[in-house]
Structures are given as structure tokens and as C-alpha cells.
Amino acid sequence: MTFDNKRTFGVEIEFIGQNNQRTTNQEINQYLERQGADFRMHTAYYSDSDATIWRLKTDSSVNGSGFGLEVVSPVLQGDSGYRDLMLVLDAVNNTGASINRTCGLHVHVGVSDWGIKQFRNLYKRYAKFETAIDSVMPSSRRLSNNDYCNSTVMAFGQTLGQAFETINSCRTARAISSQIGTRYTKLNIQSFWKHGTIEFRHHAGTTDKEKISNWLKVCLSMVQAADLNRAIKVNRFDNVSEFKDKISLMLKGLSKLEGSLIESSTKRFFTKRRKALCN
């Protein structure tokens, strides 16, 4: 298993800290120093956008018994970026971080070279499998149950055929953005003009290494499939909800990509998640 691929990625990890921003930052850096890491966490204002360093920000959207905080990674890539991410997660968990339904996990994948063809491809795949992904998320991240994570597919149509027709009619990335109308959707295209990325906002908040690792594999694989323009087929009258339990079908398709990140362990992980959350 390797995370070496041409695409860069980044994460935003929202959590509730036992201590304030400054103290939590110190605790994280003490852990990183003990582990011999060659980087440190930096406190930052919410508007700071320095993508070269790890940042710890306050987050007013996170509410609970403690301090709303958010770790924002620098631009990461390959095995070294993945290892740094796993080490930071260990450091955050060492501070006693907790999660509730106000927290989210956002994954950015670098797509600054993309044109409309790739965006259409990704949005059609996400439209087809959004409800399948819902099935491996808690209820707070399904449908449009979260104001910061609204349904993407419903912006395009009530059936998959309608959604595909609308997506295909968009001649530019700006047209897709206008059709959706907000960045607070499960798949956010508006980050393209600010960061050169596509942002996956679907996942519930977590500091669990296994959950984040497997979700990162899905996000990177979806981008890879769009790069390759892998065909996505639906019947004109297919209802979106008909694919709610098709997480295995989605993963099977992604696992066929050359050098795929989707292994049998990833399939088992999401199959187990679906059974636990939907039964």
C-alpha cells in the first residue's frame, strides 16, 4: 500500500479541545518533538491561508463542552504526507480531543489542472453514489441534514437521469458552481478558485486514523477516476435513493483503477460501517 500519486491533498480536522488553542498547540508540539518530527504546529487566525505549515485554528462552528478547534494541514503528497498526517492525528488524540455532531472532516485534493470534462465526470460519479456514501455516515451527514454539508445531487435533479443531463449541460466549472449555489455541500467546487482543489465535505468529524485513512483513499480514488474519464452509467429514470446501499458497487469500480488505493481492507471497513450505521 502506498499513497504515492500525482495528486496533492490536504485535510481540515475539526474537534473539541480540552484546553484552549494556545495550550493545545503546545501539547501537540511537545508530542511531535518527542516523536522526532521535523515540523511543528502553528497557531493561526481563521482567515490565515498559509498552505506551507500545519495550523491550529479556533472554529466557531464547533460547539460543545470545551474549545472548538481545527487542524489545517499544509499541502501534502504521497507517503511522506500521509505519514505526517498520521503523526499529527496521534498528537491531537494525545491532547484528549473529542468529537460531536458539530464537527466535520474536510479533504481537499489538488485539481488545478482540471477542465470541465473532469469536473463533470466527478460530479456524475458523486451524484450516482451520494446516497451510498450517506449509508456509511451518521445521520447528521446524510441528505441535507447538516447546514454545512448539504446534498450535492439534489442541486442537479430529482432522478439520476435529470442530474446527469444538468451536469452535462454545464459548459464551465463556473456553471456547475452556479447550479449548486453554495460551498456548503458534500462536494465543494468553490475551493477550486481559491485553493486549486476540490473539497470533499461529506465525512463526519473524526480524529480516528482508520476512518480518515480510508476516506482519504476514497477521495483520491474518485479524483483519479475522473482523471481517467471512467464511464458512469445510469438509467434515465433511476432514483437517487436506489443506490443507497451500493457502497460495494462504488468501491468495486474504484478498485479497478491502475495502482488503486482501494484494497480489500478498505472494502471491509466500509461494509462494516454500513452494517453498523444502517441496521
C-alpha atoms as a PDB file:
ATOM      1  CA  MET A   1       0.000   0.000   0.000  1.00  0.00           C
ATOM      2  CA  THR A   2       1.394   3.386  -0.996  1.00  0.00           C
ATOM      3  CA  PHE A   3      -0.012   6.891  -1.101  1.00  0.00           C
ATOM      4  CA  ASP A   4       2.388   7.927  -3.845  1.00  0.00           C
ATOM      5  CA  ASN A   5       0.331   9.569  -6.557  1.00  0.00           C
ATOM      6  CA  LYS A   6       0.443  12.762  -8.564  1.00  0.00           C
ATOM      7  CA  ARG A   7      -2.346  14.438  -6.635  1.00  0.00           C
ATOM      8  CA  THR A   8      -1.717  16.629  -3.614  1.00  0.00           C
ATOM      9  CA  PHE A   9      -4.149  16.571  -0.712  1.00  0.00           C
ATOM     10  CA  GLY A  10      -4.932  18.397   2.498  1.00  0.00           C
ATOM     11  CA  VAL A  11      -7.244  17.945   5.462  1.00  0.00           C
ATOM     12  CA  GLU A  12      -9.193  20.094   7.888  1.00  0.00           C
ATOM     13  CA  ILE A  13      -9.921  18.271  11.144  1.00  0.00           C
ATOM     14  CA  GLU A  14     -12.485  19.858  13.459  1.00  0.00           C
ATOM     15  CA  PHE A  15     -12.557  18.760  17.093  1.00  0.00           C
ATOM     16  CA  ILE A  16     -13.284  19.851  20.642  1.00  0.00           C
ATOM     17  CA  GLY A  17     -10.177  20.526  22.693  1.00  0.00           C
ATOM     18  CA  GLN A  18      -9.937  20.071  26.436  1.00  0.00           C
ATOM     19  CA  ASN A  19      -7.799  23.214  26.508  1.00  0.00           C
ATOM     20  CA  ASN A  20      -7.669  26.461  24.571  1.00  0.00           C
ATOM     21  CA  GLN A  21      -5.872  26.984  21.264  1.00  0.00           C
ATOM     22  CA  ARG A  22      -2.534  28.051  22.740  1.00  0.00           C
ATOM     23  CA  THR A  23      -2.305  25.226  25.292  1.00  0.00           C
ATOM     24  CA  THR A  24      -3.467  22.581  22.815  1.00  0.00           C
ATOM     25  CA  ASN A  25      -0.903  23.802  20.291  1.00  0.00           C
ATOM     26  CA  GLN A  26       1.831  23.455  22.926  1.00  0.00           C
ATOM     27  CA  GLU A  27       0.677  19.929  23.775  1.00  0.00           C
ATOM     28  CA  ILE A  28       0.705  18.901  20.107  1.00  0.00           C
ATOM     29  CA  ASN A  29       4.195  20.300  19.580  1.00  0.00           C
ATOM     30  CA  GLN A  30       5.527  18.590  22.706  1.00  0.00           C
ATOM     31  CA  TYR A  31       4.263  15.288  21.318  1.00  0.00           C
ATOM     32  CA  LEU A  32       5.744  15.956  17.864  1.00  0.00           C
ATOM     33  CA  GLU A  33       9.098  16.830  19.415  1.00  0.00           C
ATOM     34  CA  ARG A  34       9.133  13.624  21.454  1.00  0.00           C
ATOM     35  CA  GLN A  35       8.471  11.653  18.256  1.00  0.00           C
ATOM     36  CA  GLY A  36      11.329  13.381  16.434  1.00  0.00           C
ATOM     37  CA  ALA A  37       9.096  15.103  13.873  1.00  0.00           C
ATOM     38  CA  ASP A  38      10.803  17.702  11.676  1.00  0.00           C
ATOM     39  CA  PHE A  39       7.765  20.028  11.660  1.00  0.00           C
ATOM     40  CA  ARG A  40       5.615  21.826  14.223  1.00  0.00           C
ATOM     41  CA  MET A  41       2.040  23.063  14.618  1.00  0.00           C
ATOM     42  CA  HIS A  42       1.415  26.827  14.449  1.00  0.00           C
ATOM     43  CA  THR A  43      -1.449  28.817  15.956  1.00  0.00           C
ATOM     44  CA  ALA A  44      -3.286  30.802  13.305  1.00  0.00           C
ATOM     45  CA  TYR A  45      -6.290  33.043  12.808  1.00  0.00           C
ATOM     46  CA  TYR A  46      -9.279  31.618  10.965  1.00  0.00           C
ATOM     47  CA  SER A  47      -8.532  33.657   7.829  1.00  0.00           C
ATOM     48  CA  ASP A  48      -4.878  32.601   7.642  1.00  0.00           C
ATOM     49  CA  SER A  49      -4.232  30.627   4.453  1.00  0.00           C
ATOM     50  CA  ASP A  50      -0.541  29.723   4.624  1.00  0.00           C
ATOM     51  CA  ALA A  51      -0.588  26.299   2.963  1.00  0.00           C
ATOM     52  CA  THR A  52       3.079  25.584   3.764  1.00  0.00           C
ATOM     53  CA  ILE A  53       2.671  24.889   7.512  1.00  0.00           C
ATOM     54  CA  TRP A  54       0.454  22.934   9.902  1.00  0.00           C
ATOM     55  CA  ARG A  55      -2.001  25.299  11.592  1.00  0.00           C
ATOM     56  CA  LEU A  56      -4.282  25.100  14.621  1.00  0.00           C
ATOM     57  CA  LYS A  57      -7.248  27.466  14.389  1.00  0.00           C
ATOM     58  CA  THR A  58     -10.282  28.223  16.523  1.00  0.00           C
ATOM     59  CA  ASP A  59     -13.601  27.221  14.942  1.00  0.00           C
ATOM     60  CA  SER A  60     -16.841  28.928  15.981  1.00  0.00           C
ATOM     61  CA  SER A  61     -18.962  26.349  14.129  1.00  0.00           C
ATOM     62  CA  VAL A  62     -17.805  23.642  16.579  1.00  0.00           C
ATOM     63  CA  ASN A  63     -19.840  23.662  19.784  1.00  0.00           C
ATOM     64  CA  GLY A  64     -19.562  21.545  22.891  1.00  0.00           C
ATOM     65  CA  SER A  65     -18.088  21.237  26.335  1.00  0.00           C
ATOM     66  CA  GLY A  66     -14.612  22.527  25.548  1.00  0.00           C
ATOM     67  CA  PHE A  67     -12.921  24.603  22.865  1.00  0.00           C
ATOM     68  CA  GLY A  68     -13.847  24.471  19.175  1.00  0.00           C
ATOM     69  CA  LEU A  69     -10.606  23.882  17.258  1.00  0.00           C
ATOM     70  CA  GLU A  70      -9.489  22.884  13.776  1.00  0.00           C
ATOM     71  CA  VAL A  71      -6.222  21.442  12.499  1.00  0.00           C
ATOM     72  CA  VAL A  72      -5.468  22.542   8.947  1.00  0.00           C
ATOM     73  CA  SER A  73      -2.716  20.696   7.111  1.00  0.00           C
ATOM     74  CA  PRO A  74      -0.281  22.143   4.612  1.00  0.00           C
ATOM     75  CA  VAL A  75      -0.346  20.780   1.072  1.00  0.00           C
ATOM     76  CA  LEU A  76       0.560  17.090   1.416  1.00  0.00           C
ATOM     77  CA  GLN A  77       1.535  14.430  -1.102  1.00  0.00           C
ATOM     78  CA  GLY A  78       2.450  10.778  -1.212  1.00  0.00           C
ATOM     79  CA  ASP A  79       3.736   8.568   1.564  1.00  0.00           C
ATOM     80  CA  SER A  80       5.562  11.343   3.411  1.00  0.00           C
ATOM     81  CA  GLY A  81       2.425  13.495   3.547  1.00  0.00           C
ATOM     82  CA  TYR A  82       0.375  10.543   4.727  1.00  0.00           C
ATOM     83  CA  ARG A  83       2.888   9.722   7.486  1.00  0.00           C
ATOM     84  CA  ASP A  84       2.874  13.334   8.705  1.00  0.00           C
ATOM     85  CA  LEU A  85      -0.932  13.272   8.822  1.00  0.00           C
ATOM     86  CA  MET A  86      -0.984  10.070  10.877  1.00  0.00           C
ATOM     87  CA  LEU A  87       1.574  11.523  13.298  1.00  0.00           C
ATOM     88  CA  VAL A  88      -0.462  14.712  13.754  1.00  0.00           C
ATOM     89  CA  LEU A  89      -3.560  12.617  14.474  1.00  0.00           C
ATOM     90  CA  ASP A  90      -1.623  10.792  17.193  1.00  0.00           C
ATOM     91  CA  ALA A  91      -0.607  14.161  18.632  1.00  0.00           C
ATOM     92  CA  VAL A  92      -4.164  15.524  18.559  1.00  0.00           C
ATOM     93  CA  ASN A  93      -5.572  12.396  20.197  1.00  0.00           C
ATOM     94  CA  ASN A  94      -2.881  12.645  22.865  1.00  0.00           C
ATOM     95  CA  THR A  95      -4.404  16.002  23.944  1.00  0.00           C
ATOM     96  CA  GLY A  96      -7.712  14.343  24.809  1.00  0.00           C
ATOM     97  CA  ALA A  97      -9.579  15.709  21.786  1.00  0.00           C
ATOM     98  CA  SER A  98     -13.235  14.752  21.403  1.00  0.00           C
ATOM     99  CA  ILE A  99     -15.806  14.859  18.597  1.00  0.00           C
ATOM    100  CA  ASN A 100     -19.527  15.605  18.366  1.00  0.00           C
ATOM    101  CA  ARG A 101     -22.011  16.156  15.536  1.00  0.00           C
ATOM    102  CA  THR A 102     -20.948  19.797  15.056  1.00  0.00           C
ATOM    103  CA  CYS A 103     -17.503  18.620  13.880  1.00  0.00           C
ATOM    104  CA  GLY A 104     -16.589  17.773  10.307  1.00  0.00           C
ATOM    105  CA  LEU A 105     -13.681  16.343   8.336  1.00  0.00           C
ATOM    106  CA  HIS A 106     -12.841  18.106   5.063  1.00  0.00           C
ATOM    107  CA  VAL A 107     -10.476  16.655   2.474  1.00  0.00           C
ATOM    108  CA  HIS A 108      -9.020  18.790  -0.327  1.00  0.00           C
ATOM    109  CA  VAL A 109      -7.487  17.212  -3.427  1.00  0.00           C
ATOM    110  CA  GLY A 110      -5.408  19.330  -5.793  1.00  0.00           C
ATOM    111  CA  VAL A 111      -7.017  19.654  -9.245  1.00  0.00           C
ATOM    112  CA  SER A 112      -5.606  22.952 -10.518  1.00  0.00           C
ATOM    113  CA  ASP A 113      -5.085  21.365 -13.954  1.00  0.00           C
ATOM    114  CA  TRP A 114      -8.716  20.284 -14.382  1.00  0.00           C
ATOM    115  CA  GLY A 115     -11.169  21.366 -17.043  1.00  0.00           C
ATOM    116  CA  ILE A 116     -14.913  20.905 -17.310  1.00  0.00           C
ATOM    117  CA  LYS A 117     -14.592  17.304 -18.556  1.00  0.00           C
ATOM    118  CA  GLN A 118     -13.030  16.123 -15.308  1.00  0.00           C
ATOM    119  CA  PHE A 119     -15.429  18.092 -13.123  1.00  0.00           C
ATOM    120  CA  ARG A 120     -18.422  16.647 -14.966  1.00  0.00           C
ATOM    121  CA  ASN A 121     -17.040  13.147 -14.529  1.00  0.00           C
ATOM    122  CA  LEU A 122     -16.523  13.579 -10.777  1.00  0.00           C
ATOM    123  CA  TYR A 123     -19.920  15.164 -10.192  1.00  0.00           C
ATOM    124  CA  LYS A 124     -21.732  12.401 -12.072  1.00  0.00           C
ATOM    125  CA  ARG A 125     -19.961   9.737 -10.006  1.00  0.00           C
ATOM    126  CA  TYR A 126     -20.803  11.599  -6.808  1.00  0.00           C
ATOM    127  CA  ALA A 127     -24.421  12.077  -7.910  1.00  0.00           C
ATOM    128  CA  LYS A 128     -24.770   8.344  -8.502  1.00  0.00           C
ATOM    129  CA  PHE A 129     -23.208   7.300  -5.203  1.00  0.00           C
ATOM    130  CA  GLU A 130     -24.023  10.136  -2.799  1.00  0.00           C
ATOM    131  CA  THR A 131     -26.701   8.131  -1.002  1.00  0.00           C
ATOM    132  CA  ALA A 132     -24.350   5.122  -0.904  1.00  0.00           C
ATOM    133  CA  ILE A 133     -21.797   7.297   0.866  1.00  0.00           C
ATOM    134  CA  ASP A 134     -24.605   8.534   3.137  1.00  0.00           C
ATOM    135  CA  SER A 135     -25.029   4.911   4.241  1.00  0.00           C
ATOM    136  CA  VAL A 136     -21.534   4.875   5.788  1.00  0.00           C
ATOM    137  CA  MET A 137     -22.024   8.232   7.532  1.00  0.00           C
ATOM    138  CA  PRO A 138     -24.020   9.078  10.660  1.00  0.00           C
ATOM    139  CA  SER A 139     -27.469  10.603  10.132  1.00  0.00           C
ATOM    140  CA  SER A 140     -26.096  14.107  10.744  1.00  0.00           C
ATOM    141  CA  ARG A 141     -24.165  13.893   7.426  1.00  0.00           C
ATOM    142  CA  ARG A 142     -26.898  12.345   5.265  1.00  0.00           C
ATOM    143  CA  LEU A 143     -29.218  14.051   2.768  1.00  0.00           C
ATOM    144  CA  SER A 144     -29.177  17.754   3.706  1.00  0.00           C
ATOM    145  CA  ASN A 145     -29.321  17.179   7.458  1.00  0.00           C
ATOM    146  CA  ASN A 146     -26.323  19.438   8.041  1.00  0.00           C
ATOM    147  CA  ASP A 147     -26.238  23.096   7.020  1.00  0.00           C
ATOM    148  CA  TYR A 148     -22.501  22.839   6.315  1.00  0.00           C
ATOM    149  CA  CYS A 149     -22.853  19.619   4.302  1.00  0.00           C
ATOM    150  CA  ASN A 150     -25.897  19.775   2.031  1.00  0.00           C
ATOM    151  CA  SER A 151     -26.760  17.249  -0.652  1.00  0.00           C
ATOM    152  CA  THR A 152     -24.889  17.840  -3.873  1.00  0.00           C
ATOM    153  CA  VAL A 153     -27.005  15.664  -6.148  1.00  0.00           C
ATOM    154  CA  MET A 154     -30.314  17.383  -5.358  1.00  0.00           C
ATOM    155  CA  ALA A 155     -28.944  20.598  -6.853  1.00  0.00           C
ATOM    156  CA  PHE A 156     -28.961  18.837 -10.237  1.00  0.00           C
ATOM    157  CA  GLY A 157     -32.215  16.856 -10.357  1.00  0.00           C
ATOM    158  CA  GLN A 158     -34.698  14.506  -8.693  1.00  0.00           C
ATOM    159  CA  THR A 159     -33.596  11.479 -10.729  1.00  0.00           C
ATOM    160  CA  LEU A 160     -30.112  10.475 -11.757  1.00  0.00           C
ATOM    161  CA  GLY A 161     -31.027  10.920 -15.397  1.00  0.00           C
ATOM    162  CA  GLN A 162     -32.046  14.516 -14.733  1.00  0.00           C
ATOM    163  CA  ALA A 163     -28.922  15.117 -12.670  1.00  0.00           C
ATOM    164  CA  PHE A 164     -26.661  13.758 -15.422  1.00  0.00           C
ATOM    165  CA  GLU A 165     -28.385  15.886 -18.067  1.00  0.00           C
ATOM    166  CA  THR A 166     -27.938  19.016 -15.947  1.00  0.00           C
ATOM    167  CA  ILE A 167     -24.274  18.248 -15.245  1.00  0.00           C
ATOM    168  CA  ASN A 168     -23.612  17.586 -18.937  1.00  0.00           C
ATOM    169  CA  SER A 169     -25.256  20.896 -19.838  1.00  0.00           C
ATOM    170  CA  CYS A 170     -22.718  22.818 -17.717  1.00  0.00           C
ATOM    171  CA  ARG A 171     -20.065  24.102 -20.116  1.00  0.00           C
ATOM    172  CA  THR A 172     -17.728  25.519 -17.462  1.00  0.00           C
ATOM    173  CA  ALA A 173     -16.790  24.850 -13.852  1.00  0.00           C
ATOM    174  CA  ARG A 174     -18.400  28.196 -13.010  1.00  0.00           C
ATOM    175  CA  ALA A 175     -21.675  26.879 -14.423  1.00  0.00           C
ATOM    176  CA  ILE A 176     -21.528  23.890 -12.060  1.00  0.00           C
ATOM    177  CA  SER A 177     -20.801  26.233  -9.162  1.00  0.00           C
ATOM    178  CA  SER A 178     -23.759  28.465 -10.115  1.00  0.00           C
ATOM    179  CA  GLN A 179     -26.062  25.453 -10.351  1.00  0.00           C
ATOM    180  CA  ILE A 180     -25.157  24.380  -6.803  1.00  0.00           C
ATOM    181  CA  GLY A 181     -25.088  27.902  -5.392  1.00  0.00           C
ATOM    182  CA  THR A 182     -23.144  27.307  -2.158  1.00  0.00           C
ATOM    183  CA  ARG A 183     -19.870  25.914  -0.882  1.00  0.00           C
ATOM    184  CA  TYR A 184     -21.627  24.125   1.956  1.00  0.00           C
ATOM    185  CA  THR A 185     -22.231  20.923   0.029  1.00  0.00           C
ATOM    186  CA  LYS A 186     -20.777  17.441   0.243  1.00  0.00           C
ATOM    187  CA  LEU A 187     -18.631  18.125  -2.809  1.00  0.00           C
ATOM    188  CA  ASN A 188     -17.479  21.751  -2.929  1.00  0.00           C
ATOM    189  CA  ILE A 189     -16.208  23.125  -6.243  1.00  0.00           C
ATOM    190  CA  GLN A 190     -15.778  26.695  -4.994  1.00  0.00           C
ATOM    191  CA  SER A 191     -12.435  25.836  -3.393  1.00  0.00           C
ATOM    192  CA  PHE A 192     -11.079  25.425  -6.951  1.00  0.00           C
ATOM    193  CA  TRP A 193     -10.760  29.176  -7.465  1.00  0.00           C
ATOM    194  CA  LYS A 194      -9.311  29.841  -4.011  1.00  0.00           C
ATOM    195  CA  HIS A 195      -7.042  26.837  -3.496  1.00  0.00           C
ATOM    196  CA  GLY A 196      -6.953  24.907  -6.786  1.00  0.00           C
ATOM    197  CA  THR A 197      -8.728  21.988  -5.088  1.00  0.00           C
ATOM    198  CA  ILE A 198     -11.976  20.083  -4.970  1.00  0.00           C
ATOM    199  CA  GLU A 199     -13.212  19.785  -1.383  1.00  0.00           C
ATOM    200  CA  PHE A 200     -14.943  16.683  -0.002  1.00  0.00           C
ATOM    201  CA  ARG A 201     -17.063  17.848   2.972  1.00  0.00           C
ATOM    202  CA  HIS A 202     -19.228  14.745   3.367  1.00  0.00           C
ATOM    203  CA  HIS A 203     -17.432  12.987   6.216  1.00  0.00           C
ATOM    204  CA  ALA A 204     -18.405  13.388   9.855  1.00  0.00           C
ATOM    205  CA  GLY A 205     -15.897  14.788  12.294  1.00  0.00           C
ATOM    206  CA  THR A 206     -13.287  12.317  13.491  1.00  0.00           C
ATOM    207  CA  THR A 207      -9.723  12.040  14.714  1.00  0.00           C
ATOM    208  CA  ASP A 208      -9.710   8.279  14.130  1.00  0.00           C
ATOM    209  CA  LYS A 209      -6.760   7.280  11.945  1.00  0.00           C
ATOM    210  CA  GLU A 210      -8.527   4.320  10.304  1.00  0.00           C
ATOM    211  CA  LYS A 211     -11.599   6.358   9.357  1.00  0.00           C
ATOM    212  CA  ILE A 212      -9.553   9.229   7.947  1.00  0.00           C
ATOM    213  CA  SER A 213      -7.163   6.940   6.083  1.00  0.00           C
ATOM    214  CA  ASN A 214      -9.969   5.036   4.354  1.00  0.00           C
ATOM    215  CA  TRP A 215     -11.927   8.171   3.478  1.00  0.00           C
ATOM    216  CA  LEU A 216      -8.792   9.764   2.052  1.00  0.00           C
ATOM    217  CA  LYS A 217      -8.392   6.724  -0.201  1.00  0.00           C
ATOM    218  CA  VAL A 218     -11.943   7.196  -1.497  1.00  0.00           C
ATOM    219  CA  CYS A 219     -11.456  10.905  -2.202  1.00  0.00           C
ATOM    220  CA  LEU A 220      -8.169  10.393  -4.046  1.00  0.00           C
ATOM    221  CA  SER A 221      -9.622   7.453  -5.993  1.00  0.00           C
ATOM    222  CA  MET A 222     -12.660   9.450  -7.097  1.00  0.00           C
ATOM    223  CA  VAL A 223     -10.354  12.142  -8.431  1.00  0.00           C
ATOM    224  CA  GLN A 224      -8.243   9.502 -10.177  1.00  0.00           C
ATOM    225  CA  ALA A 225     -11.358   8.032 -11.815  1.00  0.00           C
ATOM    226  CA  ALA A 226     -12.308  11.494 -13.071  1.00  0.00           C
ATOM    227  CA  ASP A 227      -8.782  11.936 -14.459  1.00  0.00           C
ATOM    228  CA  LEU A 228      -9.224   8.727 -16.439  1.00  0.00           C
ATOM    229  CA  ASN A 229     -12.776   9.688 -17.503  1.00  0.00           C
ATOM    230  CA  ARG A 230     -14.122   6.334 -16.337  1.00  0.00           C
ATOM    231  CA  ALA A 231     -17.682   5.908 -17.600  1.00  0.00           C
ATOM    232  CA  ILE A 232     -20.593   6.354 -15.182  1.00  0.00           C
ATOM    233  CA  LYS A 233     -23.857   4.907 -16.449  1.00  0.00           C
ATOM    234  CA  VAL A 234     -27.406   5.231 -15.137  1.00  0.00           C
ATOM    235  CA  ASN A 235     -30.900   4.680 -16.405  1.00  0.00           C
ATOM    236  CA  ARG A 236     -32.676   7.933 -17.214  1.00  0.00           C
ATOM    237  CA  PHE A 237     -35.347   7.205 -14.605  1.00  0.00           C
ATOM    238  CA  ASP A 238     -33.132   5.769 -11.860  1.00  0.00           C
ATOM    239  CA  ASN A 239     -33.998   7.275  -8.499  1.00  0.00           C
ATOM    240  CA  VAL A 240     -31.066   8.538  -6.470  1.00  0.00           C
ATOM    241  CA  SER A 241     -32.175   6.533  -3.428  1.00  0.00           C
ATOM    242  CA  GLU A 242     -31.932   3.264  -5.374  1.00  0.00           C
ATOM    243  CA  PHE A 243     -28.175   3.455  -4.924  1.00  0.00           C
ATOM    244  CA  LYS A 244     -28.285   3.970  -1.146  1.00  0.00           C
ATOM    245  CA  ASP A 245     -26.827   0.543  -0.377  1.00  0.00           C
ATOM    246  CA  LYS A 246     -24.423   0.376  -3.324  1.00  0.00           C
ATOM    247  CA  ILE A 247     -21.255   1.301  -1.452  1.00  0.00           C
ATOM    248  CA  SER A 248     -19.772  -2.051  -2.527  1.00  0.00           C
ATOM    249  CA  LEU A 249     -20.500  -1.243  -6.184  1.00  0.00           C
ATOM    250  CA  MET A 250     -18.784   2.134  -5.861  1.00  0.00           C
ATOM    251  CA  LEU A 251     -15.710   0.645  -4.203  1.00  0.00           C
ATOM    252  CA  LYS A 252     -15.511  -2.184  -6.743  1.00  0.00           C
ATOM    253  CA  GLY A 253     -15.340   0.347  -9.568  1.00  0.00           C
ATOM    254  CA  LEU A 254     -12.667   2.408  -7.841  1.00  0.00           C
ATOM    255  CA  SER A 255     -10.613  -0.690  -7.010  1.00  0.00           C
ATOM    256  CA  LYS A 256     -10.182  -1.412 -10.738  1.00  0.00           C
ATOM    257  CA  LEU A 257      -8.154   1.759 -11.302  1.00  0.00           C
ATOM    258  CA  GLU A 258      -4.488   1.256 -12.116  1.00  0.00           C
ATOM    259  CA  GLY A 259      -2.495   1.434  -8.862  1.00  0.00           C
ATOM    260  CA  SER A 260      -5.763   1.759  -6.943  1.00  0.00           C
ATOM    261  CA  LEU A 261      -5.724   2.844  -3.306  1.00  0.00           C
ATOM    262  CA  ILE A 262      -8.889   0.804  -2.697  1.00  0.00           C
ATOM    263  CA  GLU A 263      -7.822  -2.557  -1.303  1.00  0.00           C
ATOM    264  CA  SER A 264      -9.808  -5.385   0.267  1.00  0.00           C
ATOM    265  CA  SER A 265      -9.235  -3.872   3.717  1.00  0.00           C
ATOM    266  CA  THR A 266     -10.923  -0.649   2.573  1.00  0.00           C
ATOM    267  CA  LYS A 267     -13.906  -2.584   1.213  1.00  0.00           C
ATOM    268  CA  ARG A 268     -14.232  -4.489   4.500  1.00  0.00           C
ATOM    269  CA  PHE A 269     -14.004  -1.282   6.500  1.00  0.00           C
ATOM    270  CA  PHE A 270     -16.878   0.420   4.670  1.00  0.00           C
ATOM    271  CA  THR A 271     -19.007  -2.739   4.530  1.00  0.00           C
ATOM    272  CA  LYS A 272     -18.705  -2.987   8.302  1.00  0.00           C
ATOM    273  CA  ARG A 273     -19.517   0.721   8.689  1.00  0.00           C
ATOM    274  CA  ARG A 274     -22.657   0.422   6.576  1.00  0.00           C
ATOM    275  CA  LYS A 275     -23.926  -2.531   8.578  1.00  0.00           C
ATOM    276  CA  ALA A 276     -23.240  -0.766  11.875  1.00  0.00           C
ATOM    277  CA  LEU A 277     -24.897   2.513  10.863  1.00  0.00           C
ATOM    278  CA  CYS A 278     -27.873   1.225   8.839  1.00  0.00           C
ATOM    279  CA  ASN A 279     -29.042  -1.775  10.873  1.00  0.00           C
END
